[in-house]
Amino acid sequence: MLCFSEILRVVDSLQLTKYKKVATPVDWKEGDPCVVEPQLDDKEAKTLFGDNIKTIELPSGKRYLRMVAQPK
């Protein structure tokens, strides 16, 4: 059953994606870290988020995800 709080969470997630250039991972909740959109190159991401970007790498060393604190 879908509850009202889940609908609000989805709306918040969609608004973050549209206006802040981040995506929300599975089970995201308000205040959790977000994923920097892959379309942003490193220069654009640094302009938007400064040095607050944490890069997650695969065991091969290839960069996988860039995480940031939820933008306000």
Protein backbone atom coordinates (compact mmCIF):
# COMPACT_ATOMS: atom_id res chain seq x y z
CA MET A 1 0.00 0.00 0.00
CA LEU A 2 1.31 3.44 -0.93
CA CYS A 3 1.13 5.95 1.88
CA PHE A 4 1.07 9.73 1.73
CA SER A 5 4.60 10.07 3.16
CA GLU A 6 5.94 7.93 0.29
CA ILE A 7 4.25 10.21 -2.24
CA LEU A 8 5.86 13.25 -0.60
CA ARG A 9 9.27 11.53 -0.62
CA VAL A 10 8.95 10.86 -4.36
CA VAL A 11 7.91 14.47 -5.05
CA ASP A 12 10.91 15.75 -3.03
CA SER A 13 13.20 13.43 -4.99
CA LEU A 14 11.83 14.59 -8.34
CA GLN A 15 12.24 18.25 -7.37
CA LEU A 16 15.85 17.68 -6.29
CA THR A 17 16.59 16.00 -9.60
CA LYS A 18 14.98 18.79 -11.61
CA TYR A 19 16.38 21.81 -9.79
CA LYS A 20 19.65 20.73 -8.11
CA LYS A 21 21.31 18.43 -10.69
CA VAL A 22 21.40 15.42 -8.38
CA ALA A 23 19.68 12.06 -8.36
CA THR A 24 18.47 10.17 -5.32
CA PRO A 25 19.51 6.59 -4.63
CA VAL A 26 17.16 3.78 -3.67
CA ASP A 27 15.56 4.21 -0.24
CA TRP A 28 16.63 7.88 -0.15
CA LYS A 29 15.18 9.98 2.66
CA GLU A 30 15.28 13.73 3.29
CA GLY A 31 18.82 14.68 4.34
CA ASP A 32 20.53 11.59 2.87
CA PRO A 33 23.42 11.99 0.40
CA CYS A 34 22.55 12.36 -3.28
CA VAL A 35 24.28 11.30 -6.49
CA VAL A 36 25.72 13.98 -8.79
CA GLU A 37 24.09 13.64 -12.20
CA PRO A 38 26.42 11.73 -14.55
CA GLN A 39 25.88 14.33 -17.31
CA LEU A 40 27.85 16.90 -15.28
CA ASP A 41 31.57 16.87 -15.95
CA ASP A 42 33.96 17.32 -13.03
CA LYS A 43 34.37 21.07 -13.62
CA GLU A 44 30.60 21.70 -13.57
CA ALA A 45 30.16 19.49 -10.52
CA LYS A 46 32.92 21.32 -8.64
CA THR A 47 31.33 24.67 -9.54
CA LEU A 48 27.98 23.52 -8.14
CA PHE A 49 29.11 21.48 -5.13
CA GLY A 50 32.64 22.66 -4.33
CA ASP A 51 34.96 20.20 -2.64
CA ASN A 52 32.08 18.32 -1.01
CA ILE A 53 32.03 15.59 -3.67
CA LYS A 54 32.91 12.06 -2.57
CA THR A 55 33.80 9.73 -5.44
CA ILE A 56 33.07 6.02 -5.08
CA GLU A 57 35.33 3.78 -7.13
CA LEU A 58 34.94 0.24 -8.38
CA PRO A 59 37.56 -2.36 -7.32
CA SER A 60 39.21 -1.78 -10.71
CA GLY A 61 39.81 1.86 -9.73
CA LYS A 62 37.30 3.19 -12.25
CA ARG A 63 35.15 6.02 -10.90
CA TYR A 64 31.58 4.89 -10.31
CA LEU A 65 29.47 7.47 -8.45
CA ARG A 66 29.96 10.99 -7.14
CA MET A 67 28.04 11.64 -3.92
CA VAL A 68 27.23 14.96 -2.25
CA ALA A 69 25.25 16.08 0.76
CA GLN A 70 21.67 16.89 -0.15
CA PRO A 71 21.57 20.41 -1.61
CA LYS A 72 19.27 22.89 0.11
